[in-house]
Amino acid sequence: MQVQRIGYGIKGYYRLASLGQKWEMTPKDAQERLRILKFWERHGLSATQEAFGVSRRTLYRWKAVLKAAGDNPAALIPKPPIAKRKRGKNRDPRLVKRIRELRTLYPNLGKERLH
């Protein structure tokens, strides 16, 4: 039995098929952002801001992310908000030194006993 390929001989078929697969796997949020960007290209900034309530800066940021990803709509998936600055560890160096000394003397000592 011979396996036949559907797109054999059709220029660009497999590329288009892979883009379609990417589109189906892309979440609805990213698809909506791409649709807003296409609307912006067609109708301009003021119409887009009025229709969708998206700021100018956000549109340019989405456009830059999309361009950097090679026009892959999956790049427009919203990222979870994280703190820009995370708190560091504020431990007394003397305490850390003492714990290290105890750990080298008693390597099997648990944290409850150490406390």
PDB file of N, CA and C in Angstrom:
ATOM      1  N   MET A   1       0.837  -1.173   0.000  1.00  0.00           N
ATOM      2  CA  MET A   1       0.000   0.000   0.000  1.00  0.00           C
ATOM      3  C   MET A   1       0.886   1.240   0.000  1.00  0.00           C
ATOM      4  N   GLN A   2       0.605   2.171  -0.851  1.00  0.00           N
ATOM      5  CA  GLN A   2       1.423   3.369  -0.999  1.00  0.00           C
ATOM      6  C   GLN A   2       0.772   4.531  -0.258  1.00  0.00           C
ATOM      7  N   VAL A   3       1.594   5.256   0.496  1.00  0.00           N
ATOM      8  CA  VAL A   3       1.107   6.420   1.226  1.00  0.00           C
ATOM      9  C   VAL A   3       1.199   7.635   0.317  1.00  0.00           C
ATOM     10  N   GLN A   4       0.104   8.352   0.208  1.00  0.00           N
ATOM     11  CA  GLN A   4       0.095   9.530  -0.651  1.00  0.00           C
ATOM     12  C   GLN A   4       0.091  10.782   0.203  1.00  0.00           C
ATOM     13  N   ARG A   5       0.864  11.755  -0.226  1.00  0.00           N
ATOM     14  CA  ARG A   5       0.905  13.035   0.472  1.00  0.00           C
ATOM     15  C   ARG A   5      -0.032  14.002  -0.236  1.00  0.00           C
ATOM     16  N   ILE A   6      -0.865  14.661   0.534  1.00  0.00           N
ATOM     17  CA  ILE A   6      -1.881  15.532  -0.035  1.00  0.00           C
ATOM     18  C   ILE A   6      -1.260  16.732  -0.736  1.00  0.00           C
ATOM     19  N   GLY A   7      -0.285  17.345  -0.117  1.00  0.00           N
ATOM     20  CA  GLY A   7       0.244  18.590  -0.642  1.00  0.00           C
ATOM     21  C   GLY A   7       1.411  18.447  -1.585  1.00  0.00           C
ATOM     22  N   TYR A   8       1.695  17.244  -2.017  1.00  0.00           N
ATOM     23  CA  TYR A   8       2.850  17.029  -2.876  1.00  0.00           C
ATOM     24  C   TYR A   8       2.684  17.794  -4.184  1.00  0.00           C
ATOM     25  N   GLY A   9       3.677  18.613  -4.523  1.00  0.00           N
ATOM     26  CA  GLY A   9       3.660  19.344  -5.771  1.00  0.00           C
ATOM     27  C   GLY A   9       2.992  20.701  -5.699  1.00  0.00           C
ATOM     28  N   ILE A  10       2.374  21.024  -4.576  1.00  0.00           N
ATOM     29  CA  ILE A  10       1.726  22.326  -4.424  1.00  0.00           C
ATOM     30  C   ILE A  10       2.687  23.225  -3.661  1.00  0.00           C
ATOM     31  N   LYS A  11       3.117  24.297  -4.315  1.00  0.00           N
ATOM     32  CA  LYS A  11       4.119  25.173  -3.728  1.00  0.00           C
ATOM     33  C   LYS A  11       3.544  25.889  -2.495  1.00  0.00           C
ATOM     34  N   GLY A  12       4.223  25.775  -1.381  1.00  0.00           N
ATOM     35  CA  GLY A  12       3.842  26.473  -0.160  1.00  0.00           C
ATOM     36  C   GLY A  12       2.770  25.791   0.658  1.00  0.00           C
ATOM     37  N   TYR A  13       2.343  24.588   0.262  1.00  0.00           N
ATOM     38  CA  TYR A  13       1.254  23.916   0.973  1.00  0.00           C
ATOM     39  C   TYR A  13       1.632  23.570   2.405  1.00  0.00           C
ATOM     40  N   TYR A  14       2.801  22.975   2.594  1.00  0.00           N
ATOM     41  CA  TYR A  14       3.196  22.526   3.935  1.00  0.00           C
ATOM     42  C   TYR A  14       3.484  23.707   4.863  1.00  0.00           C
ATOM     43  N   ARG A  15       4.002  24.783   4.312  1.00  0.00           N
ATOM     44  CA  ARG A  15       4.214  25.987   5.121  1.00  0.00           C
ATOM     45  C   ARG A  15       2.878  26.537   5.593  1.00  0.00           C
ATOM     46  N   LEU A  16       1.922  26.598   4.694  1.00  0.00           N
ATOM     47  CA  LEU A  16       0.592  27.083   5.042  1.00  0.00           C
ATOM     48  C   LEU A  16      -0.090  26.153   6.038  1.00  0.00           C
ATOM     49  N   ALA A  17       0.104  24.859   5.881  1.00  0.00           N
ATOM     50  CA  ALA A  17      -0.483  23.900   6.811  1.00  0.00           C
ATOM     51  C   ALA A  17       0.105  24.058   8.209  1.00  0.00           C
ATOM     52  N   SER A  18       1.407  24.318   8.289  1.00  0.00           N
ATOM     53  CA  SER A  18       2.017  24.505   9.615  1.00  0.00           C
ATOM     54  C   SER A  18       1.526  25.789  10.264  1.00  0.00           C
ATOM     55  N   LEU A  19       1.325  26.846   9.450  1.00  0.00           N
ATOM     56  CA  LEU A  19       0.778  28.080  10.009  1.00  0.00           C
ATOM     57  C   LEU A  19      -0.640  27.872  10.514  1.00  0.00           C
ATOM     58  N   GLY A  20      -1.433  27.092   9.787  1.00  0.00           N
ATOM     59  CA  GLY A  20      -2.793  26.783  10.233  1.00  0.00           C
ATOM     60  C   GLY A  20      -2.795  26.005  11.528  1.00  0.00           C
ATOM     61  N   GLN A  21      -1.852  25.096  11.666  1.00  0.00           N
ATOM     62  CA  GLN A  21      -1.758  24.329  12.899  1.00  0.00           C
ATOM     63  C   GLN A  21      -1.355  25.229  14.060  1.00  0.00           C
ATOM     64  N   LYS A  22      -0.413  26.148  13.824  1.00  0.00           N
ATOM     65  CA  LYS A  22      -0.027  27.092  14.865  1.00  0.00           C
ATOM     66  C   LYS A  22      -1.217  27.951  15.278  1.00  0.00           C
ATOM     67  N   TRP A  23      -2.020  28.357  14.284  1.00  0.00           N
ATOM     68  CA  TRP A  23      -3.171  29.207  14.567  1.00  0.00           C
ATOM     69  C   TRP A  23      -4.190  28.471  15.433  1.00  0.00           C
ATOM     70  N   GLU A  24      -4.409  27.202  15.160  1.00  0.00           N
ATOM     71  CA  GLU A  24      -5.371  26.428  15.945  1.00  0.00           C
ATOM     72  C   GLU A  24      -4.880  26.205  17.375  1.00  0.00           C
ATOM     73  N   MET A  25      -3.569  26.099  17.539  1.00  0.00           N
ATOM     74  CA  MET A  25      -3.016  25.861  18.867  1.00  0.00           C
ATOM     75  C   MET A  25      -2.830  27.151  19.659  1.00  0.00           C
ATOM     76  N   THR A  26      -2.987  28.301  19.017  1.00  0.00           N
ATOM     77  CA  THR A  26      -2.805  29.578  19.687  1.00  0.00           C
ATOM     78  C   THR A  26      -4.029  29.894  20.539  1.00  0.00           C
ATOM     79  N   PRO A  27      -3.855  30.321  21.789  1.00  0.00           N
ATOM     80  CA  PRO A  27      -4.996  30.659  22.640  1.00  0.00           C
ATOM     81  C   PRO A  27      -5.810  31.828  22.085  1.00  0.00           C
ATOM     82  N   LYS A  28      -7.029  31.935  22.542  1.00  0.00           N
ATOM     83  CA  LYS A  28      -7.954  32.964  22.055  1.00  0.00           C
ATOM     84  C   LYS A  28      -7.454  34.370  22.370  1.00  0.00           C
ATOM     85  N   ASP A  29      -6.772  34.556  23.493  1.00  0.00           N
ATOM     86  CA  ASP A  29      -6.248  35.883  23.847  1.00  0.00           C
ATOM     87  C   ASP A  29      -5.244  36.371  22.807  1.00  0.00           C
ATOM     88  N   ALA A  30      -4.357  35.477  22.395  1.00  0.00           N
ATOM     89  CA  ALA A  30      -3.349  35.849  21.402  1.00  0.00           C
ATOM     90  C   ALA A  30      -3.998  36.101  20.038  1.00  0.00           C
ATOM     91  N   GLN A  31      -5.025  35.324  19.707  1.00  0.00           N
ATOM     92  CA  GLN A  31      -5.728  35.543  18.444  1.00  0.00           C
ATOM     93  C   GLN A  31      -6.420  36.904  18.448  1.00  0.00           C
ATOM     94  N   GLU A  32      -6.991  37.266  19.593  1.00  0.00           N
ATOM     95  CA  GLU A  32      -7.658  38.569  19.700  1.00  0.00           C
ATOM     96  C   GLU A  32      -6.650  39.713  19.560  1.00  0.00           C
ATOM     97  N   ARG A  33      -5.483  39.567  20.153  1.00  0.00           N
ATOM     98  CA  ARG A  33      -4.452  40.599  20.036  1.00  0.00           C
ATOM     99  C   ARG A  33      -3.986  40.751  18.591  1.00  0.00           C
ATOM    100  N   LEU A  34      -3.849  39.625  17.896  1.00  0.00           N
ATOM    101  CA  LEU A  34      -3.450  39.680  16.494  1.00  0.00           C
ATOM    102  C   LEU A  34      -4.538  40.357  15.659  1.00  0.00           C
ATOM    103  N   ARG A  35      -5.787  40.077  15.977  1.00  0.00           N
ATOM    104  CA  ARG A  35      -6.897  40.707  15.261  1.00  0.00           C
ATOM    105  C   ARG A  35      -6.908  42.216  15.490  1.00  0.00           C
ATOM    106  N   ILE A  36      -6.581  42.643  16.718  1.00  0.00           N
ATOM    107  CA  ILE A  36      -6.506  44.076  17.028  1.00  0.00           C
ATOM    108  C   ILE A  36      -5.370  44.728  16.241  1.00  0.00           C
ATOM    109  N   LEU A  37      -4.230  44.036  16.129  1.00  0.00           N
ATOM    110  CA  LEU A  37      -3.101  44.578  15.363  1.00  0.00           C
ATOM    111  C   LEU A  37      -3.456  44.722  13.880  1.00  0.00           C
ATOM    112  N   LYS A  38      -4.160  43.748  13.343  1.00  0.00           N
ATOM    113  CA  LYS A  38      -4.574  43.832  11.935  1.00  0.00           C
ATOM    114  C   LYS A  38      -5.554  44.995  11.743  1.00  0.00           C
ATOM    115  N   PHE A  39      -6.452  45.189  12.701  1.00  0.00           N
ATOM    116  CA  PHE A  39      -7.402  46.304  12.645  1.00  0.00           C
ATOM    117  C   PHE A  39      -6.650  47.632  12.672  1.00  0.00           C
ATOM    118  N   TRP A  40      -5.611  47.704  13.487  1.00  0.00           N
ATOM    119  CA  TRP A  40      -4.797  48.916  13.618  1.00  0.00           C
ATOM    120  C   TRP A  40      -4.109  49.253  12.290  1.00  0.00           C
ATOM    121  N   GLU A  41      -3.571  48.224  11.627  1.00  0.00           N
ATOM    122  CA  GLU A  41      -2.917  48.451  10.331  1.00  0.00           C
ATOM    123  C   GLU A  41      -3.911  48.968   9.289  1.00  0.00           C
ATOM    124  N   ARG A  42      -5.142  48.468   9.351  1.00  0.00           N
ATOM    125  CA  ARG A  42      -6.138  48.818   8.342  1.00  0.00           C
ATOM    126  C   ARG A  42      -6.811  50.160   8.601  1.00  0.00           C
ATOM    127  N   HIS A  43      -7.145  50.437   9.874  1.00  0.00           N
ATOM    128  CA  HIS A  43      -7.999  51.589  10.176  1.00  0.00           C
ATOM    129  C   HIS A  43      -7.315  52.721  10.929  1.00  0.00           C
ATOM    130  N   GLY A  44      -6.113  52.505  11.417  1.00  0.00           N
ATOM    131  CA  GLY A  44      -5.386  53.576  12.094  1.00  0.00           C
ATOM    132  C   GLY A  44      -5.498  53.526  13.609  1.00  0.00           C
ATOM    133  N   LEU A  45      -4.747  54.417  14.239  1.00  0.00           N
ATOM    134  CA  LEU A  45      -4.600  54.406  15.690  1.00  0.00           C
ATOM    135  C   LEU A  45      -5.860  54.857  16.420  1.00  0.00           C
ATOM    136  N   SER A  46      -6.431  55.967  16.020  1.00  0.00           N
ATOM    137  CA  SER A  46      -7.572  56.511  16.771  1.00  0.00           C
ATOM    138  C   SER A  46      -8.770  55.573  16.714  1.00  0.00           C
ATOM    139  N   ALA A  47      -9.017  54.950  15.566  1.00  0.00           N
ATOM    140  CA  ALA A  47     -10.131  54.010  15.454  1.00  0.00           C
ATOM    141  C   ALA A  47      -9.900  52.779  16.328  1.00  0.00           C
ATOM    142  N   THR A  48      -8.670  52.316  16.397  1.00  0.00           N
ATOM    143  CA  THR A  48      -8.348  51.137  17.201  1.00  0.00           C
ATOM    144  C   THR A  48      -8.498  51.443  18.684  1.00  0.00           C
ATOM    145  N   GLN A  49      -8.017  52.600  19.097  1.00  0.00           N
ATOM    146  CA  GLN A  49      -8.152  52.971  20.506  1.00  0.00           C
ATOM    147  C   GLN A  49      -9.614  53.115  20.898  1.00  0.00           C
ATOM    148  N   GLU A  50     -10.411  53.671  20.012  1.00  0.00           N
ATOM    149  CA  GLU A  50     -11.829  53.866  20.308  1.00  0.00           C
ATOM    150  C   GLU A  50     -12.571  52.527  20.323  1.00  0.00           C
ATOM    151  N   ALA A  51     -12.231  51.633  19.395  1.00  0.00           N
ATOM    152  CA  ALA A  51     -12.946  50.366  19.287  1.00  0.00           C
ATOM    153  C   ALA A  51     -12.558  49.364  20.377  1.00  0.00           C
ATOM    154  N   PHE A  52     -11.284  49.312  20.726  1.00  0.00           N
ATOM    155  CA  PHE A  52     -10.817  48.269  21.636  1.00  0.00           C
ATOM    156  C   PHE A  52     -10.324  48.787  22.978  1.00  0.00           C
ATOM    157  N   GLY A  53     -10.085  50.074  23.106  1.00  0.00           N
ATOM    158  CA  GLY A  53      -9.597  50.627  24.367  1.00  0.00           C
ATOM    159  C   GLY A  53      -8.174  50.222  24.697  1.00  0.00           C
ATOM    160  N   VAL A  54      -7.345  50.074  23.674  1.00  0.00           N
ATOM    161  CA  VAL A  54      -5.951  49.668  23.861  1.00  0.00           C
ATOM    162  C   VAL A  54      -5.071  50.889  23.648  1.00  0.00           C
ATOM    163  N   SER A  55      -4.084  51.067  24.515  1.00  0.00           N
ATOM    164  CA  SER A  55      -3.223  52.243  24.398  1.00  0.00           C
ATOM    165  C   SER A  55      -2.240  52.103  23.235  1.00  0.00           C
ATOM    166  N   ARG A  56      -1.698  53.226  22.831  1.00  0.00           N
ATOM    167  CA  ARG A  56      -0.734  53.278  21.730  1.00  0.00           C
ATOM    168  C   ARG A  56       0.510  52.472  22.075  1.00  0.00           C
ATOM    169  N   ARG A  57       0.974  52.638  23.281  1.00  0.00           N
ATOM    170  CA  ARG A  57       2.178  51.937  23.735  1.00  0.00           C
ATOM    171  C   ARG A  57       1.985  50.421  23.694  1.00  0.00           C
ATOM    172  N   THR A  58       0.807  49.959  24.098  1.00  0.00           N
ATOM    173  CA  THR A  58       0.528  48.531  24.087  1.00  0.00           C
ATOM    174  C   THR A  58       0.531  47.988  22.667  1.00  0.00           C
ATOM    175  N   LEU A  59      -0.028  48.728  21.734  1.00  0.00           N
ATOM    176  CA  LEU A  59      -0.039  48.286  20.336  1.00  0.00           C
ATOM    177  C   LEU A  59       1.377  48.153  19.789  1.00  0.00           C
ATOM    178  N   TYR A  60       2.208  49.134  20.077  1.00  0.00           N
ATOM    179  CA  TYR A  60       3.593  49.073  19.587  1.00  0.00           C
ATOM    180  C   TYR A  60       4.365  47.934  20.257  1.00  0.00           C
ATOM    181  N   ARG A  61       4.066  47.668  21.519  1.00  0.00           N
ATOM    182  CA  ARG A  61       4.738  46.565  22.214  1.00  0.00           C
ATOM    183  C   ARG A  61       4.328  45.229  21.609  1.00  0.00           C
ATOM    184  N   TRP A  62       3.028  45.044  21.349  1.00  0.00           N
ATOM    185  CA  TRP A  62       2.555  43.816  20.712  1.00  0.00           C
ATOM    186  C   TRP A  62       3.175  43.639  19.332  1.00  0.00           C
ATOM    187  N   LYS A  63       3.277  44.732  18.596  1.00  0.00           N
ATOM    188  CA  LYS A  63       3.850  44.669  17.256  1.00  0.00           C
ATOM    189  C   LYS A  63       5.319  44.249  17.314  1.00  0.00           C
ATOM    190  N   ALA A  64       6.069  44.793  18.269  1.00  0.00           N
ATOM    191  CA  ALA A  64       7.485  44.449  18.415  1.00  0.00           C
ATOM    192  C   ALA A  64       7.656  42.986  18.817  1.00  0.00           C
ATOM    193  N   VAL A  65       6.805  42.499  19.717  1.00  0.00           N
ATOM    194  CA  VAL A  65       6.891  41.103  20.152  1.00  0.00           C
ATOM    195  C   VAL A  65       6.586  40.172  18.989  1.00  0.00           C
ATOM    196  N   LEU A  66       5.579  40.519  18.210  1.00  0.00           N
ATOM    197  CA  LEU A  66       5.201  39.705  17.059  1.00  0.00           C
ATOM    198  C   LEU A  66       6.317  39.678  16.016  1.00  0.00           C
ATOM    199  N   LYS A  67       6.941  40.821  15.773  1.00  0.00           N
ATOM    200  CA  LYS A  67       8.026  40.889  14.790  1.00  0.00           C
ATOM    201  C   LYS A  67       9.245  40.104  15.260  1.00  0.00           C
ATOM    202  N   ALA A  68       9.554  40.184  16.559  1.00  0.00           N
ATOM    203  CA  ALA A  68      10.707  39.457  17.102  1.00  0.00           C
ATOM    204  C   ALA A  68      10.506  37.944  17.034  1.00  0.00           C
ATOM    205  N   ALA A  69       9.251  37.503  17.087  1.00  0.00           N
ATOM    206  CA  ALA A  69       8.962  36.069  17.045  1.00  0.00           C
ATOM    207  C   ALA A  69       8.774  35.552  15.624  1.00  0.00           C
ATOM    208  N   GLY A  70       9.006  36.401  14.641  1.00  0.00           N
ATOM    209  CA  GLY A  70       8.859  35.972  13.256  1.00  0.00           C
ATOM    210  C   GLY A  70       7.407  35.782  12.853  1.00  0.00           C
ATOM    211  N   ASP A  71       6.552  36.677  13.295  1.00  0.00           N
ATOM    212  CA  ASP A  71       5.115  36.659  12.992  1.00  0.00           C
ATOM    213  C   ASP A  71       4.409  35.402  13.503  1.00  0.00           C
ATOM    214  N   ASN A  72       4.892  34.852  14.591  1.00  0.00           N
ATOM    215  CA  ASN A  72       4.238  33.710  15.218  1.00  0.00           C
ATOM    216  C   ASN A  72       3.209  34.246  16.206  1.00  0.00           C
ATOM    217  N   PRO A  73       1.907  33.997  16.002  1.00  0.00           N
ATOM    218  CA  PRO A  73       0.889  34.556  16.894  1.00  0.00           C
ATOM    219  C   PRO A  73       0.969  34.032  18.324  1.00  0.00           C
ATOM    220  N   ALA A  74       1.665  32.920  18.540  1.00  0.00           N
ATOM    221  CA  ALA A  74       1.812  32.383  19.896  1.00  0.00           C
ATOM    222  C   ALA A  74       2.642  33.316  20.778  1.00  0.00           C
ATOM    223  N   ALA A  75       3.400  34.229  20.173  1.00  0.00           N
ATOM    224  CA  ALA A  75       4.208  35.167  20.956  1.00  0.00           C
ATOM    225  C   ALA A  75       3.341  36.193  21.666  1.00  0.00           C
ATOM    226  N   LEU A  76       2.094  36.342  21.223  1.00  0.00           N
ATOM    227  CA  LEU A  76       1.204  37.333  21.828  1.00  0.00           C
ATOM    228  C   LEU A  76       0.422  36.782  23.021  1.00  0.00           C
ATOM    229  N   ILE A  77       0.761  35.583  23.465  1.00  0.00           N
ATOM    230  CA  ILE A  77       0.097  35.012  24.635  1.00  0.00           C
ATOM    231  C   ILE A  77       0.435  35.878  25.844  1.00  0.00           C
ATOM    232  N   PRO A  78      -0.578  36.302  26.624  1.00  0.00           N
ATOM    233  CA  PRO A  78      -0.300  37.155  27.785  1.00  0.00           C
ATOM    234  C   PRO A  78       0.560  36.435  28.817  1.00  0.00           C
ATOM    235  N   LYS A  79       1.541  37.126  29.310  1.00  0.00           N
ATOM    236  CA  LYS A  79       2.441  36.578  30.323  1.00  0.00           C
ATOM    237  C   LYS A  79       1.901  36.923  31.712  1.00  0.00           C
ATOM    238  N   PRO A  80       2.116  36.058  32.700  1.00  0.00           N
ATOM    239  CA  PRO A  80       1.640  36.382  34.043  1.00  0.00           C
ATOM    240  C   PRO A  80       2.443  37.538  34.638  1.00  0.00           C
ATOM    241  N   PRO A  81       1.790  38.428  35.364  1.00  0.00           N
ATOM    242  CA  PRO A  81       2.525  39.546  35.951  1.00  0.00           C
ATOM    243  C   PRO A  81       3.434  39.074  37.083  1.00  0.00           C
ATOM    244  N   ILE A  82       4.678  39.500  37.043  1.00  0.00           N
ATOM    245  CA  ILE A  82       5.639  39.155  38.091  1.00  0.00           C
ATOM    246  C   ILE A  82       6.237  40.445  38.618  1.00  0.00           C
ATOM    247  N   ALA A  83       6.710  40.383  39.820  1.00  0.00           N
ATOM    248  CA  ALA A  83       7.352  41.550  40.404  1.00  0.00           C
ATOM    249  C   ALA A  83       8.652  41.838  39.670  1.00  0.00           C
ATOM    250  N   LYS A  84       8.917  43.111  39.402  1.00  0.00           N
ATOM    251  CA  LYS A  84      10.161  43.470  38.730  1.00  0.00           C
ATOM    252  C   LYS A  84      11.352  43.367  39.675  1.00  0.00           C
ATOM    253  N   ARG A  85      11.112  43.678  40.935  1.00  0.00           N
ATOM    254  CA  ARG A  85      12.165  43.541  41.947  1.00  0.00           C
ATOM    255  C   ARG A  85      11.689  42.579  43.013  1.00  0.00           C
ATOM    256  N   LYS A  86      12.424  41.508  43.205  1.00  0.00           N
ATOM    257  CA  LYS A  86      12.079  40.548  44.242  1.00  0.00           C
ATOM    258  C   LYS A  86      12.953  40.814  45.453  1.00  0.00           C
ATOM    259  N   ARG A  87      12.374  40.579  46.609  1.00  0.00           N
ATOM    260  CA  ARG A  87      13.130  40.821  47.834  1.00  0.00           C
ATOM    261  C   ARG A  87      14.282  39.840  47.976  1.00  0.00           C
ATOM    262  N   GLY A  88      15.377  40.334  48.450  1.00  0.00           N
ATOM    263  CA  GLY A  88      16.528  39.479  48.695  1.00  0.00           C
ATOM    264  C   GLY A  88      16.460  38.873  50.087  1.00  0.00           C
ATOM    265  N   LYS A  89      17.382  37.983  50.368  1.00  0.00           N
ATOM    266  CA  LYS A  89      17.425  37.343  51.679  1.00  0.00           C
ATOM    267  C   LYS A  89      18.147  38.260  52.654  1.00  0.00           C
ATOM    268  N   ASN A  90      17.488  38.589  53.744  1.00  0.00           N
ATOM    269  CA  ASN A  90      18.078  39.455  54.762  1.00  0.00           C
ATOM    270  C   ASN A  90      18.398  38.620  55.994  1.00  0.00           C
ATOM    271  N   ARG A  91      19.522  37.941  55.940  1.00  0.00           N
ATOM    272  CA  ARG A  91      19.933  37.115  57.071  1.00  0.00           C
ATOM    273  C   ARG A  91      21.242  37.666  57.626  1.00  0.00           C
ATOM    274  N   ASP A  92      21.362  37.556  58.923  1.00  0.00           N
ATOM    275  CA  ASP A  92      22.564  38.021  59.591  1.00  0.00           C
ATOM    276  C   ASP A  92      23.737  37.107  59.207  1.00  0.00           C
ATOM    277  N   PRO A  93      24.834  37.658  58.727  1.00  0.00           N
ATOM    278  CA  PRO A  93      25.973  36.822  58.308  1.00  0.00           C
ATOM    279  C   PRO A  93      26.544  35.984  59.446  1.00  0.00           C
ATOM    280  N   ARG A  94      26.436  36.488  60.679  1.00  0.00           N
ATOM    281  CA  ARG A  94      26.936  35.709  61.824  1.00  0.00           C
ATOM    282  C   ARG A  94      26.111  34.435  62.007  1.00  0.00           C
ATOM    283  N   LEU A  95      24.791  34.558  61.785  1.00  0.00           N
ATOM    284  CA  LEU A  95      23.913  33.400  61.913  1.00  0.00           C
ATOM    285  C   LEU A  95      24.224  32.366  60.834  1.00  0.00           C
ATOM    286  N   VAL A  96      24.435  32.809  59.625  1.00  0.00           N
ATOM    287  CA  VAL A  96      24.763  31.900  58.526  1.00  0.00           C
ATOM    288  C   VAL A  96      26.087  31.187  58.807  1.00  0.00           C
ATOM    289  N   LYS A  97      27.049  31.935  59.326  1.00  0.00           N
ATOM    290  CA  LYS A  97      28.354  31.353  59.652  1.00  0.00           C
ATOM    291  C   LYS A  97      28.217  30.277  60.733  1.00  0.00           C
ATOM    292  N   ARG A  98      27.405  30.563  61.744  1.00  0.00           N
ATOM    293  CA  ARG A  98      27.205  29.610  62.842  1.00  0.00           C
ATOM    294  C   ARG A  98      26.500  28.345  62.358  1.00  0.00           C
ATOM    295  N   ILE A  99      25.508  28.508  61.483  1.00  0.00           N
ATOM    296  CA  ILE A  99      24.799  27.342  60.942  1.00  0.00           C
ATOM    297  C   ILE A  99      25.751  26.485  60.114  1.00  0.00           C
ATOM    298  N   ARG A 100      26.611  27.104  59.332  1.00  0.00           N
ATOM    299  CA  ARG A 100      27.580  26.343  58.546  1.00  0.00           C
ATOM    300  C   ARG A 100      28.553  25.571  59.439  1.00  0.00           C
ATOM    301  N   GLU A 101      28.954  26.205  60.534  1.00  0.00           N
ATOM    302  CA  GLU A 101      29.857  25.512  61.472  1.00  0.00           C
ATOM    303  C   GLU A 101      29.175  24.288  62.060  1.00  0.00           C
ATOM    304  N   LEU A 102      27.916  24.458  62.478  1.00  0.00           N
ATOM    305  CA  LEU A 102      27.195  23.326  63.049  1.00  0.00           C
ATOM    306  C   LEU A 102      26.953  22.227  62.024  1.00  0.00           C
ATOM    307  N   ARG A 103      26.676  22.616  60.780  1.00  0.00           N
ATOM    308  CA  ARG A 103      26.445  21.619  59.732  1.00  0.00           C
ATOM    309  C   ARG A 103      27.712  20.818  59.420  1.00  0.00           C
ATOM    310  N   THR A 104      28.882  21.468  59.492  1.00  0.00           N
ATOM    311  CA  THR A 104      30.114  20.717  59.242  1.00  0.00           C
ATOM    312  C   THR A 104      30.457  19.805  60.416  1.00  0.00           C
ATOM    313  N   LEU A 105      30.146  20.262  61.629  1.00  0.00           N
ATOM    314  CA  LEU A 105      30.401  19.412  62.797  1.00  0.00           C
ATOM    315  C   LEU A 105      29.423  18.247  62.874  1.00  0.00           C
ATOM    316  N   TYR A 106      28.148  18.529  62.621  1.00  0.00           N
ATOM    317  CA  TYR A 106      27.085  17.521  62.713  1.00  0.00           C
ATOM    318  C   TYR A 106      26.321  17.467  61.378  1.00  0.00           C
ATOM    319  N   PRO A 107      26.814  16.738  60.389  1.00  0.00           N
ATOM    320  CA  PRO A 107      26.190  16.758  59.064  1.00  0.00           C
ATOM    321  C   PRO A 107      24.787  16.145  59.024  1.00  0.00           C
ATOM    322  N   ASN A 108      24.448  15.263  59.976  1.00  0.00           N
ATOM    323  CA  ASN A 108      23.141  14.616  59.961  1.00  0.00           C
ATOM    324  C   ASN A 108      22.128  15.324  60.857  1.00  0.00           C
ATOM    325  N   LEU A 109      22.470  16.495  61.328  1.00  0.00           N
ATOM    326  CA  LEU A 109      21.575  17.242  62.215  1.00  0.00           C
ATOM    327  C   LEU A 109      20.472  17.879  61.373  1.00  0.00           C
ATOM    328  N   GLY A 110      19.208  17.628  61.756  1.00  0.00           N
ATOM    329  CA  GLY A 110      18.080  18.168  61.003  1.00  0.00           C
ATOM    330  C   GLY A 110      17.821  19.626  61.340  1.00  0.00           C
ATOM    331  N   LYS A 111      16.940  20.256  60.596  1.00  0.00           N
ATOM    332  CA  LYS A 111      16.694  21.676  60.811  1.00  0.00           C
ATOM    333  C   LYS A 111      15.920  21.934  62.114  1.00  0.00           C
ATOM    334  N   GLU A 112      15.135  20.960  62.552  1.00  0.00           N
ATOM    335  CA  GLU A 112      14.403  21.137  63.823  1.00  0.00           C
ATOM    336  C   GLU A 112      15.390  21.162  64.998  1.00  0.00           C
ATOM    337  N   ARG A 113      16.302  20.234  65.004  1.00  0.00           N
ATOM    338  CA  ARG A 113      17.305  20.189  66.082  1.00  0.00           C
ATOM    339  C   ARG A 113      18.240  21.396  66.004  1.00  0.00           C
ATOM    340  N   LEU A 114      18.550  21.807  64.795  1.00  0.00           N
ATOM    341  CA  LEU A 114      19.431  22.935  64.603  1.00  0.00           C
ATOM    342  C   LEU A 114      18.772  24.217  65.117  1.00  0.00           C
ATOM    343  N   HIS A 115      17.488  24.335  64.936  1.00  0.00           N
ATOM    344  CA  HIS A 115      16.733  25.513  65.387  1.00  0.00           C
ATOM    345  C   HIS A 115      16.757  25.589  66.922  1.00  0.00           C
TER     346      HIS A 115
END
